[in-house]
Amino acid sequence: MILKRIKTDIGTMIGENCYIIQDDETKETMIIDPGNLTEELAEMLETLDIKLKYIVLTHCHADHITGAEQIKQKYGGKILIHIEDAEGLKNPDVNLCYYIGLDDVRVNADSRLNDGDLIHIEDLEFKVIHTPGHTKGSICLYCEKEGLLFSGDTLFRGTWGRTDLPTSSFENIIDSITNRLMILPDDTIVYPGHGKSTKIQEEKTIYLDMKQKEWE
């Protein structure tokens, strides 16, 4: 497996993480959260000689989706997003394009995902984990074989995603992280939508402490 991270800037948002996953033999490729088709990202895609199968969006915010249509037009592939966030792709009040200084952003999903769906890139399998909270349709992608989790804006190193935005919920995001992500193996590497990677074991203390306080 080939895994590349490209940081993309768009509007007023700096450092959104776009991930490229590729089977190194067949070149079959998945892109996660292309916030912008930057020159650096385009050069990487050309260098890898991709056969693009999927463009997966972990949620509908503009800083994660704006490059999706342009990439699809140039390289092919199907745009996937959770069913609960599909409408937000076409709603500026939900995808927040104006909030980060962009003109109207609207993206068309080719398929809608549900919790437990499996996405395959050759023999690599990624499980869709529905993690509402940052948005109602936020998802993470878990590859058990490689011990990887792509967490979008649900789980970051040392914290969680914002919950003061349309369709977000603090209670839901903490429940999603505590009961859906912290149960994964401790050595699972977490690749978030912004910032540095981490591991499940490094984040557990935060959420175990919160759960303990609930019990007291």
N, C-alpha and C. Protein backbone atom coordinates (compact mmCIF):
# COMPACT_ATOMS: atom_id res chain seq x y z
N MET A 1 0.83 -1.20 0.00
CA MET A 1 0.00 0.00 0.00
C MET A 1 0.87 1.25 0.00
N ILE A 2 0.46 2.22 -0.78
CA ILE A 2 1.09 3.54 -0.77
C ILE A 2 0.14 4.51 -0.09
N LEU A 3 0.63 5.26 0.89
CA LEU A 3 -0.16 6.26 1.60
C LEU A 3 0.57 7.59 1.56
N LYS A 4 -0.11 8.61 1.04
CA LYS A 4 0.46 9.95 0.96
C LYS A 4 -0.50 10.93 1.61
N ARG A 5 0.08 11.93 2.29
CA ARG A 5 -0.72 13.02 2.85
C ARG A 5 -0.28 14.32 2.20
N ILE A 6 -1.25 15.06 1.70
CA ILE A 6 -1.00 16.37 1.12
C ILE A 6 -1.81 17.39 1.91
N LYS A 7 -1.16 18.42 2.42
CA LYS A 7 -1.89 19.48 3.10
C LYS A 7 -2.40 20.49 2.08
N THR A 8 -3.69 20.77 2.16
CA THR A 8 -4.27 21.71 1.22
C THR A 8 -4.82 22.93 1.96
N ASP A 9 -4.63 24.09 1.38
CA ASP A 9 -5.18 25.34 1.91
C ASP A 9 -6.31 25.78 1.00
N ILE A 10 -7.41 26.24 1.59
CA ILE A 10 -8.51 26.75 0.77
C ILE A 10 -9.28 27.80 1.56
N GLY A 11 -9.58 28.91 0.90
CA GLY A 11 -10.24 30.00 1.60
C GLY A 11 -9.39 30.44 2.77
N THR A 12 -10.02 30.55 3.92
CA THR A 12 -9.30 30.94 5.13
C THR A 12 -8.80 29.74 5.93
N MET A 13 -9.06 28.53 5.42
CA MET A 13 -8.65 27.32 6.12
C MET A 13 -7.25 26.89 5.68
N ILE A 14 -6.39 26.63 6.63
CA ILE A 14 -5.01 26.26 6.34
C ILE A 14 -4.72 24.86 6.88
N GLY A 15 -4.11 24.03 6.05
CA GLY A 15 -3.62 22.75 6.53
C GLY A 15 -4.64 21.64 6.65
N GLU A 16 -5.59 21.57 5.73
CA GLU A 16 -6.49 20.42 5.69
C GLU A 16 -5.75 19.23 5.10
N ASN A 17 -5.89 18.07 5.72
CA ASN A 17 -5.18 16.88 5.27
C ASN A 17 -5.97 16.10 4.24
N CYS A 18 -5.41 15.99 3.05
CA CYS A 18 -5.96 15.13 2.00
C CYS A 18 -5.07 13.88 1.92
N TYR A 19 -5.70 12.71 1.88
CA TYR A 19 -4.96 11.45 1.86
C TYR A 19 -5.16 10.71 0.55
N ILE A 20 -4.08 10.13 0.07
CA ILE A 20 -4.10 9.29 -1.13
C ILE A 20 -3.71 7.89 -0.72
N ILE A 21 -4.57 6.92 -1.00
CA ILE A 21 -4.28 5.51 -0.73
C ILE A 21 -4.27 4.77 -2.06
N GLN A 22 -3.19 4.05 -2.30
CA GLN A 22 -3.04 3.38 -3.59
C GLN A 22 -2.50 1.96 -3.42
N ASP A 23 -3.05 1.04 -4.20
CA ASP A 23 -2.46 -0.30 -4.30
C ASP A 23 -1.23 -0.18 -5.18
N ASP A 24 -0.07 -0.59 -4.65
CA ASP A 24 1.18 -0.32 -5.35
C ASP A 24 1.38 -1.18 -6.59
N GLU A 25 0.58 -2.21 -6.76
CA GLU A 25 0.71 -3.05 -7.95
C GLU A 25 -0.24 -2.62 -9.06
N THR A 26 -1.51 -2.47 -8.74
CA THR A 26 -2.51 -2.14 -9.78
C THR A 26 -2.69 -0.66 -10.00
N LYS A 27 -2.21 0.18 -9.06
CA LYS A 27 -2.37 1.63 -9.08
C LYS A 27 -3.79 2.09 -8.76
N GLU A 28 -4.68 1.15 -8.39
CA GLU A 28 -6.03 1.54 -7.99
C GLU A 28 -5.93 2.44 -6.77
N THR A 29 -6.72 3.53 -6.78
CA THR A 29 -6.49 4.61 -5.82
C THR A 29 -7.79 5.13 -5.22
N MET A 30 -7.69 5.54 -3.96
CA MET A 30 -8.77 6.25 -3.27
C MET A 30 -8.20 7.55 -2.72
N ILE A 31 -8.94 8.63 -2.85
CA ILE A 31 -8.57 9.92 -2.27
C ILE A 31 -9.58 10.25 -1.18
N ILE A 32 -9.08 10.67 -0.03
CA ILE A 32 -9.93 11.05 1.09
C ILE A 32 -9.83 12.55 1.32
N ASP A 33 -10.96 13.24 1.27
CA ASP A 33 -11.08 14.66 1.62
C ASP A 33 -10.18 15.59 0.81
N PRO A 34 -10.41 15.69 -0.50
CA PRO A 34 -9.64 16.65 -1.30
C PRO A 34 -10.19 18.06 -1.15
N GLY A 35 -9.66 18.79 -0.19
CA GLY A 35 -10.16 20.13 0.05
C GLY A 35 -9.92 21.07 -1.11
N ASN A 36 -8.89 20.79 -1.88
CA ASN A 36 -8.55 21.67 -3.00
C ASN A 36 -7.60 20.91 -3.92
N LEU A 37 -7.78 21.03 -5.21
CA LEU A 37 -6.84 20.43 -6.15
C LEU A 37 -5.67 21.39 -6.33
N THR A 38 -4.75 21.37 -5.39
CA THR A 38 -3.59 22.24 -5.44
C THR A 38 -2.58 21.72 -6.47
N GLU A 39 -1.62 22.55 -6.78
CA GLU A 39 -0.56 22.14 -7.70
C GLU A 39 0.21 20.95 -7.13
N GLU A 40 0.46 20.99 -5.82
CA GLU A 40 1.19 19.89 -5.19
C GLU A 40 0.41 18.58 -5.27
N LEU A 41 -0.90 18.65 -5.02
CA LEU A 41 -1.72 17.45 -5.10
C LEU A 41 -1.78 16.92 -6.52
N ALA A 42 -1.95 17.80 -7.49
CA ALA A 42 -2.00 17.38 -8.89
C ALA A 42 -0.70 16.71 -9.30
N GLU A 43 0.43 17.27 -8.88
CA GLU A 43 1.73 16.68 -9.22
C GLU A 43 1.87 15.30 -8.60
N MET A 44 1.39 15.13 -7.37
CA MET A 44 1.47 13.84 -6.71
C MET A 44 0.61 12.80 -7.43
N LEU A 45 -0.59 13.19 -7.83
CA LEU A 45 -1.48 12.27 -8.54
C LEU A 45 -0.88 11.85 -9.87
N GLU A 46 -0.23 12.77 -10.55
CA GLU A 46 0.41 12.45 -11.83
C GLU A 46 1.61 11.53 -11.60
N THR A 47 2.38 11.80 -10.57
CA THR A 47 3.56 10.98 -10.27
C THR A 47 3.16 9.54 -9.95
N LEU A 48 2.07 9.39 -9.21
CA LEU A 48 1.60 8.06 -8.82
C LEU A 48 0.90 7.32 -9.95
N ASP A 49 0.58 8.04 -11.04
CA ASP A 49 -0.09 7.42 -12.20
C ASP A 49 -1.35 6.68 -11.75
N ILE A 50 -2.23 7.41 -11.09
CA ILE A 50 -3.37 6.81 -10.40
C ILE A 50 -4.44 6.26 -11.35
N LYS A 51 -5.10 5.23 -10.88
CA LYS A 51 -6.36 4.76 -11.44
C LYS A 51 -7.41 5.01 -10.37
N LEU A 52 -8.04 6.16 -10.44
CA LEU A 52 -8.87 6.63 -9.33
C LEU A 52 -10.21 5.90 -9.30
N LYS A 53 -10.49 5.27 -8.17
CA LYS A 53 -11.72 4.53 -7.98
C LYS A 53 -12.73 5.32 -7.15
N TYR A 54 -12.27 5.89 -6.04
CA TYR A 54 -13.18 6.58 -5.14
C TYR A 54 -12.58 7.90 -4.64
N ILE A 55 -13.47 8.86 -4.45
CA ILE A 55 -13.17 10.09 -3.73
C ILE A 55 -14.10 10.07 -2.52
N VAL A 56 -13.55 9.80 -1.35
CA VAL A 56 -14.37 9.63 -0.15
C VAL A 56 -14.30 10.90 0.70
N LEU A 57 -15.47 11.40 1.07
CA LEU A 57 -15.57 12.62 1.87
C LEU A 57 -16.03 12.23 3.27
N THR A 58 -15.21 12.57 4.28
CA THR A 58 -15.57 12.19 5.65
C THR A 58 -16.71 13.02 6.21
N HIS A 59 -16.94 14.18 5.64
CA HIS A 59 -18.10 15.00 6.00
C HIS A 59 -18.23 16.10 4.94
N CYS A 60 -19.25 16.94 5.08
CA CYS A 60 -19.63 17.81 3.96
C CYS A 60 -19.05 19.22 4.03
N HIS A 61 -18.14 19.53 4.92
CA HIS A 61 -17.62 20.90 5.02
C HIS A 61 -16.73 21.25 3.83
N ALA A 62 -16.81 22.51 3.43
CA ALA A 62 -16.17 22.96 2.20
C ALA A 62 -14.67 22.73 2.16
N ASP A 63 -14.01 22.83 3.31
CA ASP A 63 -12.55 22.67 3.31
C ASP A 63 -12.13 21.22 3.08
N HIS A 64 -13.10 20.30 3.04
CA HIS A 64 -12.80 18.90 2.77
C HIS A 64 -13.33 18.42 1.42
N ILE A 65 -14.17 19.21 0.77
CA ILE A 65 -14.88 18.71 -0.42
C ILE A 65 -14.63 19.51 -1.69
N THR A 66 -14.05 20.71 -1.59
CA THR A 66 -14.06 21.63 -2.73
C THR A 66 -13.31 21.11 -3.94
N GLY A 67 -12.30 20.28 -3.76
CA GLY A 67 -11.56 19.74 -4.89
C GLY A 67 -12.17 18.51 -5.53
N ALA A 68 -13.26 18.00 -4.95
CA ALA A 68 -13.79 16.70 -5.38
C ALA A 68 -14.26 16.68 -6.83
N GLU A 69 -15.06 17.66 -7.22
CA GLU A 69 -15.61 17.67 -8.58
C GLU A 69 -14.51 17.85 -9.62
N GLN A 70 -13.55 18.71 -9.34
CA GLN A 70 -12.46 18.95 -10.29
C GLN A 70 -11.61 17.70 -10.46
N ILE A 71 -11.35 17.00 -9.36
CA ILE A 71 -10.57 15.77 -9.42
C ILE A 71 -11.33 14.70 -10.19
N LYS A 72 -12.63 14.60 -9.95
CA LYS A 72 -13.44 13.62 -10.67
C LYS A 72 -13.42 13.88 -12.17
N GLN A 73 -13.56 15.15 -12.55
CA GLN A 73 -13.56 15.49 -13.97
C GLN A 73 -12.23 15.14 -14.64
N LYS A 74 -11.13 15.29 -13.90
CA LYS A 74 -9.81 15.08 -14.49
C LYS A 74 -9.35 13.63 -14.43
N TYR A 75 -9.72 12.93 -13.33
CA TYR A 75 -9.17 11.59 -13.12
C TYR A 75 -10.22 10.48 -13.04
N GLY A 76 -11.51 10.87 -13.03
CA GLY A 76 -12.56 9.86 -12.87
C GLY A 76 -12.83 9.59 -11.41
N GLY A 77 -13.41 8.42 -11.14
CA GLY A 77 -13.71 8.04 -9.76
C GLY A 77 -15.11 8.45 -9.35
N LYS A 78 -15.60 7.84 -8.27
CA LYS A 78 -16.92 8.13 -7.74
C LYS A 78 -16.80 8.86 -6.41
N ILE A 79 -17.64 9.86 -6.23
CA ILE A 79 -17.66 10.64 -4.99
C ILE A 79 -18.60 9.96 -4.00
N LEU A 80 -18.09 9.65 -2.81
CA LEU A 80 -18.86 8.95 -1.78
C LEU A 80 -18.93 9.80 -0.52
N ILE A 81 -20.11 9.80 0.13
CA ILE A 81 -20.29 10.48 1.41
C ILE A 81 -21.43 9.80 2.15
N HIS A 82 -21.45 9.93 3.47
CA HIS A 82 -22.51 9.32 4.25
C HIS A 82 -23.87 9.94 3.89
N ILE A 83 -24.88 9.13 3.94
CA ILE A 83 -26.22 9.56 3.52
C ILE A 83 -26.70 10.78 4.30
N GLU A 84 -26.30 10.90 5.58
CA GLU A 84 -26.75 12.01 6.41
C GLU A 84 -26.09 13.33 6.05
N ASP A 85 -24.99 13.30 5.32
CA ASP A 85 -24.30 14.53 4.92
C ASP A 85 -24.45 14.85 3.44
N ALA A 86 -25.15 14.00 2.71
CA ALA A 86 -25.25 14.19 1.25
C ALA A 86 -25.92 15.51 0.90
N GLU A 87 -26.97 15.88 1.61
CA GLU A 87 -27.66 17.13 1.32
C GLU A 87 -26.78 18.33 1.61
N GLY A 88 -25.92 18.21 2.60
CA GLY A 88 -25.04 19.32 2.96
C GLY A 88 -24.05 19.68 1.87
N LEU A 89 -23.76 18.74 0.98
CA LEU A 89 -22.85 19.02 -0.14
C LEU A 89 -23.37 20.14 -1.04
N LYS A 90 -24.68 20.35 -1.05
CA LYS A 90 -25.29 21.35 -1.93
C LYS A 90 -25.89 22.52 -1.15
N ASN A 91 -25.66 22.55 0.15
CA ASN A 91 -26.25 23.59 0.99
C ASN A 91 -25.15 24.45 1.61
N PRO A 92 -24.95 25.66 1.11
CA PRO A 92 -23.88 26.52 1.63
C PRO A 92 -24.00 26.81 3.12
N ASP A 93 -25.23 26.78 3.65
CA ASP A 93 -25.41 27.04 5.07
C ASP A 93 -24.89 25.89 5.92
N VAL A 94 -24.77 24.73 5.32
CA VAL A 94 -24.27 23.55 6.03
C VAL A 94 -22.80 23.28 5.70
N ASN A 95 -22.43 23.42 4.40
CA ASN A 95 -21.03 23.12 4.05
C ASN A 95 -20.09 24.28 4.36
N LEU A 96 -20.65 25.43 4.73
CA LEU A 96 -19.88 26.55 5.29
C LEU A 96 -18.88 27.17 4.32
N CYS A 97 -19.17 27.11 3.03
CA CYS A 97 -18.24 27.68 2.06
C CYS A 97 -18.07 29.19 2.25
N TYR A 98 -19.17 29.90 2.54
CA TYR A 98 -19.07 31.34 2.75
C TYR A 98 -18.28 31.67 4.01
N TYR A 99 -18.40 30.81 5.00
CA TYR A 99 -17.73 31.02 6.29
C TYR A 99 -16.21 31.04 6.13
N ILE A 100 -15.70 30.25 5.17
CA ILE A 100 -14.25 30.23 4.96
C ILE A 100 -13.82 31.04 3.74
N GLY A 101 -14.73 31.89 3.25
CA GLY A 101 -14.37 32.85 2.22
C GLY A 101 -14.43 32.34 0.80
N LEU A 102 -15.27 31.32 0.54
CA LEU A 102 -15.40 30.78 -0.81
C LEU A 102 -16.74 31.17 -1.42
N ASP A 103 -16.79 31.15 -2.74
CA ASP A 103 -18.06 31.28 -3.43
C ASP A 103 -18.86 29.99 -3.23
N ASP A 104 -20.07 29.97 -3.73
CA ASP A 104 -20.98 28.83 -3.57
C ASP A 104 -20.31 27.52 -4.00
N VAL A 105 -20.19 26.57 -3.08
CA VAL A 105 -19.61 25.26 -3.37
C VAL A 105 -20.71 24.21 -3.33
N ARG A 106 -20.86 23.47 -4.42
CA ARG A 106 -21.86 22.40 -4.49
C ARG A 106 -21.22 21.18 -5.14
N VAL A 107 -21.35 20.05 -4.48
CA VAL A 107 -20.75 18.81 -4.94
C VAL A 107 -21.84 17.75 -5.06
N ASN A 108 -21.77 16.95 -6.11
CA ASN A 108 -22.73 15.88 -6.33
C ASN A 108 -22.13 14.54 -5.91
N ALA A 109 -22.81 13.85 -5.01
CA ALA A 109 -22.35 12.52 -4.60
C ALA A 109 -22.84 11.47 -5.59
N ASP A 110 -21.96 10.53 -5.93
CA ASP A 110 -22.35 9.42 -6.80
C ASP A 110 -23.00 8.29 -6.01
N SER A 111 -22.56 8.11 -4.76
CA SER A 111 -23.13 7.08 -3.90
C SER A 111 -23.14 7.58 -2.47
N ARG A 112 -24.12 7.07 -1.71
CA ARG A 112 -24.27 7.45 -0.31
C ARG A 112 -23.91 6.26 0.57
N LEU A 113 -23.11 6.55 1.58
CA LEU A 113 -22.60 5.50 2.45
C LEU A 113 -23.47 5.34 3.70
N ASN A 114 -23.41 4.15 4.27
CA ASN A 114 -24.04 3.86 5.54
C ASN A 114 -23.02 3.24 6.48
N ASP A 115 -23.33 3.28 7.77
CA ASP A 115 -22.47 2.66 8.77
C ASP A 115 -22.26 1.18 8.45
N GLY A 116 -21.02 0.75 8.49
CA GLY A 116 -20.70 -0.65 8.24
C GLY A 116 -20.40 -0.99 6.80
N ASP A 117 -20.62 -0.04 5.88
CA ASP A 117 -20.27 -0.30 4.48
C ASP A 117 -18.77 -0.56 4.36
N LEU A 118 -18.41 -1.35 3.35
CA LEU A 118 -17.01 -1.69 3.11
C LEU A 118 -16.57 -1.12 1.76
N ILE A 119 -15.44 -0.45 1.77
CA ILE A 119 -14.86 0.14 0.56
C ILE A 119 -13.57 -0.61 0.27
N HIS A 120 -13.42 -1.07 -0.97
CA HIS A 120 -12.26 -1.89 -1.32
C HIS A 120 -11.38 -1.19 -2.36
N ILE A 121 -10.10 -1.18 -2.08
CA ILE A 121 -9.06 -0.80 -3.04
C ILE A 121 -8.20 -2.03 -3.22
N GLU A 122 -8.48 -2.79 -4.27
CA GLU A 122 -7.88 -4.12 -4.44
C GLU A 122 -8.12 -4.95 -3.18
N ASP A 123 -7.10 -5.45 -2.51
CA ASP A 123 -7.32 -6.29 -1.33
C ASP A 123 -7.33 -5.51 -0.03
N LEU A 124 -7.29 -4.19 -0.11
CA LEU A 124 -7.41 -3.35 1.08
C LEU A 124 -8.89 -3.07 1.34
N GLU A 125 -9.31 -3.27 2.57
CA GLU A 125 -10.71 -3.08 2.94
C GLU A 125 -10.82 -1.98 3.99
N PHE A 126 -11.70 -1.02 3.74
CA PHE A 126 -11.93 0.09 4.65
C PHE A 126 -13.39 0.05 5.11
N LYS A 127 -13.58 0.01 6.41
CA LYS A 127 -14.92 -0.04 6.98
C LYS A 127 -15.39 1.37 7.33
N VAL A 128 -16.61 1.68 6.92
CA VAL A 128 -17.22 2.97 7.25
C VAL A 128 -17.76 2.91 8.67
N ILE A 129 -17.27 3.83 9.53
CA ILE A 129 -17.77 3.96 10.89
C ILE A 129 -18.47 5.30 10.99
N HIS A 130 -19.79 5.28 11.18
CA HIS A 130 -20.55 6.52 11.30
C HIS A 130 -20.26 7.13 12.66
N THR A 131 -19.74 8.35 12.67
CA THR A 131 -19.36 9.03 13.91
C THR A 131 -19.98 10.42 13.96
N PRO A 132 -21.30 10.51 14.13
CA PRO A 132 -21.95 11.83 14.18
C PRO A 132 -21.43 12.66 15.33
N GLY A 133 -21.45 13.97 15.12
CA GLY A 133 -21.00 14.89 16.15
C GLY A 133 -20.47 16.18 15.56
N HIS A 134 -19.41 16.08 14.74
CA HIS A 134 -18.91 17.26 14.04
C HIS A 134 -19.94 17.69 13.00
N THR A 135 -20.47 16.74 12.27
CA THR A 135 -21.69 16.88 11.49
C THR A 135 -22.50 15.62 11.73
N LYS A 136 -23.76 15.64 11.31
CA LYS A 136 -24.60 14.47 11.58
C LYS A 136 -24.20 13.26 10.73
N GLY A 137 -23.48 13.51 9.62
CA GLY A 137 -23.08 12.41 8.76
C GLY A 137 -21.59 12.17 8.72
N SER A 138 -20.86 12.63 9.72
CA SER A 138 -19.42 12.41 9.76
C SER A 138 -19.10 10.92 9.82
N ILE A 139 -18.03 10.54 9.12
CA ILE A 139 -17.59 9.14 9.15
C ILE A 139 -16.08 9.08 9.38
N CYS A 140 -15.65 7.89 9.83
CA CYS A 140 -14.24 7.53 9.85
C CYS A 140 -14.08 6.29 8.98
N LEU A 141 -12.90 6.08 8.45
CA LEU A 141 -12.60 4.89 7.65
C LEU A 141 -11.53 4.08 8.36
N TYR A 142 -11.84 2.81 8.61
CA TYR A 142 -10.93 1.94 9.37
C TYR A 142 -10.44 0.80 8.50
N CYS A 143 -9.13 0.67 8.40
CA CYS A 143 -8.51 -0.45 7.69
C CYS A 143 -7.86 -1.37 8.72
N GLU A 144 -8.52 -2.47 9.02
CA GLU A 144 -8.02 -3.38 10.04
C GLU A 144 -6.69 -4.01 9.63
N LYS A 145 -6.56 -4.36 8.36
CA LYS A 145 -5.35 -5.02 7.88
C LYS A 145 -4.10 -4.18 8.12
N GLU A 146 -4.19 -2.89 7.89
CA GLU A 146 -3.04 -2.00 8.04
C GLU A 146 -3.03 -1.28 9.38
N GLY A 147 -4.09 -1.42 10.17
CA GLY A 147 -4.16 -0.74 11.47
C GLY A 147 -4.23 0.77 11.34
N LEU A 148 -5.08 1.25 10.41
CA LEU A 148 -5.19 2.68 10.14
C LEU A 148 -6.62 3.16 10.32
N LEU A 149 -6.77 4.37 10.81
CA LEU A 149 -8.06 5.03 10.91
C LEU A 149 -7.95 6.44 10.35
N PHE A 150 -8.81 6.76 9.39
CA PHE A 150 -8.89 8.12 8.86
C PHE A 150 -10.10 8.77 9.51
N SER A 151 -9.84 9.74 10.39
CA SER A 151 -10.87 10.20 11.31
C SER A 151 -11.56 11.50 10.92
N GLY A 152 -11.22 12.07 9.76
CA GLY A 152 -11.86 13.32 9.36
C GLY A 152 -11.70 14.36 10.46
N ASP A 153 -12.80 15.07 10.77
CA ASP A 153 -12.75 16.08 11.83
C ASP A 153 -13.44 15.59 13.10
N THR A 154 -13.53 14.27 13.25
CA THR A 154 -14.10 13.71 14.48
C THR A 154 -13.05 13.66 15.59
N LEU A 155 -11.92 13.04 15.32
CA LEU A 155 -10.88 12.85 16.34
C LEU A 155 -9.57 13.46 15.86
N PHE A 156 -9.01 14.34 16.71
CA PHE A 156 -7.71 14.94 16.46
C PHE A 156 -6.73 14.51 17.55
N ARG A 157 -5.49 14.83 17.34
CA ARG A 157 -4.49 14.57 18.37
C ARG A 157 -4.77 15.46 19.58
N GLY A 158 -5.18 14.84 20.67
CA GLY A 158 -5.40 15.56 21.91
C GLY A 158 -6.74 16.25 22.05
N THR A 159 -7.63 16.11 21.06
CA THR A 159 -8.92 16.80 21.16
C THR A 159 -9.90 16.21 20.15
N TRP A 160 -11.04 16.87 20.00
CA TRP A 160 -12.08 16.42 19.08
C TRP A 160 -12.50 17.58 18.19
N GLY A 161 -13.34 17.30 17.19
CA GLY A 161 -13.76 18.32 16.25
C GLY A 161 -14.76 19.30 16.85
N ARG A 162 -14.91 20.43 16.20
CA ARG A 162 -15.84 21.47 16.66
C ARG A 162 -17.27 20.96 16.67
N THR A 163 -18.03 21.45 17.66
CA THR A 163 -19.44 21.04 17.75
C THR A 163 -20.36 22.25 17.88
N ASP A 164 -19.91 23.41 17.37
CA ASP A 164 -20.72 24.62 17.41
C ASP A 164 -21.18 25.01 16.00
N LEU A 165 -21.29 24.03 15.13
CA LEU A 165 -21.60 24.26 13.72
C LEU A 165 -22.93 23.59 13.36
N PRO A 166 -23.51 23.93 12.20
CA PRO A 166 -24.78 23.31 11.81
C PRO A 166 -24.70 21.78 11.82
N THR A 167 -25.68 21.14 12.39
CA THR A 167 -25.87 19.68 12.53
C THR A 167 -24.89 19.04 13.50
N SER A 168 -24.08 19.83 14.21
CA SER A 168 -23.09 19.23 15.13
C SER A 168 -23.69 19.05 16.52
N SER A 169 -23.02 18.21 17.33
CA SER A 169 -23.49 17.92 18.67
C SER A 169 -22.32 17.45 19.53
N PHE A 170 -22.09 18.13 20.65
CA PHE A 170 -21.02 17.73 21.56
C PHE A 170 -21.29 16.34 22.12
N GLU A 171 -22.51 16.10 22.55
CA GLU A 171 -22.85 14.79 23.13
C GLU A 171 -22.61 13.68 22.12
N ASN A 172 -22.98 13.92 20.87
CA ASN A 172 -22.82 12.88 19.84
C ASN A 172 -21.35 12.61 19.53
N ILE A 173 -20.53 13.66 19.46
CA ILE A 173 -19.13 13.42 19.08
C ILE A 173 -18.39 12.68 20.20
N ILE A 174 -18.69 13.01 21.44
CA ILE A 174 -18.04 12.30 22.54
C ILE A 174 -18.51 10.84 22.58
N ASP A 175 -19.79 10.63 22.34
CA ASP A 175 -20.30 9.25 22.28
C ASP A 175 -19.66 8.49 21.13
N SER A 176 -19.53 9.13 19.97
CA SER A 176 -18.93 8.48 18.80
C SER A 176 -17.49 8.07 19.08
N ILE A 177 -16.73 8.99 19.65
CA ILE A 177 -15.31 8.71 19.92
C ILE A 177 -15.17 7.64 20.99
N THR A 178 -15.91 7.81 22.08
CA THR A 178 -15.76 6.91 23.22
C THR A 178 -16.20 5.49 22.89
N ASN A 179 -17.35 5.38 22.21
CA ASN A 179 -17.96 4.06 22.02
C ASN A 179 -17.71 3.43 20.66
N ARG A 180 -17.17 4.20 19.72
CA ARG A 180 -16.95 3.65 18.39
C ARG A 180 -15.48 3.63 17.98
N LEU A 181 -14.70 4.58 18.50
CA LEU A 181 -13.29 4.66 18.10
C LEU A 181 -12.34 4.15 19.18
N MET A 182 -12.63 4.44 20.43
CA MET A 182 -11.73 4.01 21.50
C MET A 182 -11.75 2.50 21.72
N ILE A 183 -12.67 1.80 21.07
CA ILE A 183 -12.72 0.34 21.16
C ILE A 183 -11.80 -0.32 20.13
N LEU A 184 -11.22 0.47 19.24
CA LEU A 184 -10.30 -0.08 18.24
C LEU A 184 -8.98 -0.44 18.92
N PRO A 185 -8.16 -1.30 18.29
CA PRO A 185 -6.88 -1.68 18.89
C PRO A 185 -6.02 -0.47 19.25
N ASP A 186 -5.32 -0.55 20.38
CA ASP A 186 -4.53 0.57 20.88
C ASP A 186 -3.51 1.08 19.88
N ASP A 187 -2.94 0.18 19.08
CA ASP A 187 -1.87 0.58 18.17
C ASP A 187 -2.39 1.09 16.83
N THR A 188 -3.70 1.28 16.71
CA THR A 188 -4.27 1.85 15.48
C THR A 188 -3.76 3.27 15.29
N ILE A 189 -3.20 3.55 14.12
CA ILE A 189 -2.72 4.89 13.78
C ILE A 189 -3.88 5.73 13.28
N VAL A 190 -4.04 6.91 13.83
CA VAL A 190 -5.14 7.81 13.48
C VAL A 190 -4.62 8.94 12.60
N TYR A 191 -5.22 9.06 11.41
CA TYR A 191 -4.87 10.14 10.49
C TYR A 191 -6.06 11.10 10.42
N PRO A 192 -5.94 12.27 11.06
CA PRO A 192 -7.07 13.20 11.15
C PRO A 192 -7.16 14.15 9.96
N GLY A 193 -8.26 14.91 9.93
CA GLY A 193 -8.47 15.87 8.85
C GLY A 193 -7.60 17.11 8.95
N HIS A 194 -7.07 17.37 10.12
CA HIS A 194 -6.15 18.50 10.33
C HIS A 194 -5.12 18.06 11.37
N GLY A 195 -3.92 18.58 11.25
CA GLY A 195 -2.92 18.33 12.26
C GLY A 195 -2.20 17.01 12.10
N LYS A 196 -1.47 16.64 13.15
CA LYS A 196 -0.60 15.47 13.13
C LYS A 196 -1.35 14.19 13.45
N SER A 197 -0.76 13.07 13.03
CA SER A 197 -1.33 11.76 13.33
C SER A 197 -1.13 11.42 14.81
N THR A 198 -1.84 10.41 15.27
CA THR A 198 -1.74 9.96 16.65
C THR A 198 -2.07 8.47 16.68
N LYS A 199 -2.23 7.91 17.85
CA LYS A 199 -2.65 6.53 18.00
C LYS A 199 -3.81 6.46 18.99
N ILE A 200 -4.63 5.44 18.85
CA ILE A 200 -5.76 5.28 19.75
C ILE A 200 -5.31 5.26 21.20
N GLN A 201 -4.25 4.55 21.50
CA GLN A 201 -3.80 4.43 22.89
C GLN A 201 -3.38 5.77 23.47
N GLU A 202 -2.92 6.69 22.62
CA GLU A 202 -2.49 8.00 23.09
C GLU A 202 -3.68 8.92 23.40
N GLU A 203 -4.84 8.59 22.86
CA GLU A 203 -6.02 9.43 23.06
C GLU A 203 -6.97 8.88 24.13
N LYS A 204 -6.80 7.63 24.51
CA LYS A 204 -7.77 6.97 25.38
C LYS A 204 -7.95 7.66 26.72
N THR A 205 -6.87 8.15 27.29
CA THR A 205 -6.95 8.73 28.63
C THR A 205 -7.96 9.86 28.69
N ILE A 206 -8.00 10.68 27.66
CA ILE A 206 -8.93 11.82 27.62
C ILE A 206 -10.36 11.34 27.80
N TYR A 207 -10.73 10.32 27.04
CA TYR A 207 -12.13 9.90 26.99
C TYR A 207 -12.48 8.96 28.14
N LEU A 208 -11.51 8.22 28.63
CA LEU A 208 -11.74 7.41 29.82
C LEU A 208 -11.96 8.30 31.04
N ASP A 209 -11.20 9.39 31.11
CA ASP A 209 -11.39 10.34 32.20
C ASP A 209 -12.78 10.98 32.14
N MET A 210 -13.22 11.30 30.94
CA MET A 210 -14.55 11.90 30.79
C MET A 210 -15.63 10.91 31.19
N LYS A 211 -15.46 9.65 30.80
CA LYS A 211 -16.45 8.65 31.15
C LYS A 211 -16.47 8.42 32.66
N GLN A 212 -15.29 8.44 33.31
CA GLN A 212 -15.21 8.26 34.74
C GLN A 212 -15.96 9.37 35.47
N LYS A 213 -15.85 10.59 34.98
CA LYS A 213 -16.54 11.71 35.61
C LYS A 213 -18.05 11.57 35.48
N GLU A 214 -18.51 10.96 34.37
CA GLU A 214 -19.93 10.73 34.19
C GLU A 214 -20.45 9.75 35.23
N TRP A 215 -19.61 8.77 35.59
CA TRP A 215 -20.03 7.74 36.54
C TRP A 215 -20.03 8.26 37.99
N GLU A 216 -19.22 9.28 38.26
CA GLU A 216 -19.08 9.75 39.63
C GLU A 216 -20.31 10.53 40.09
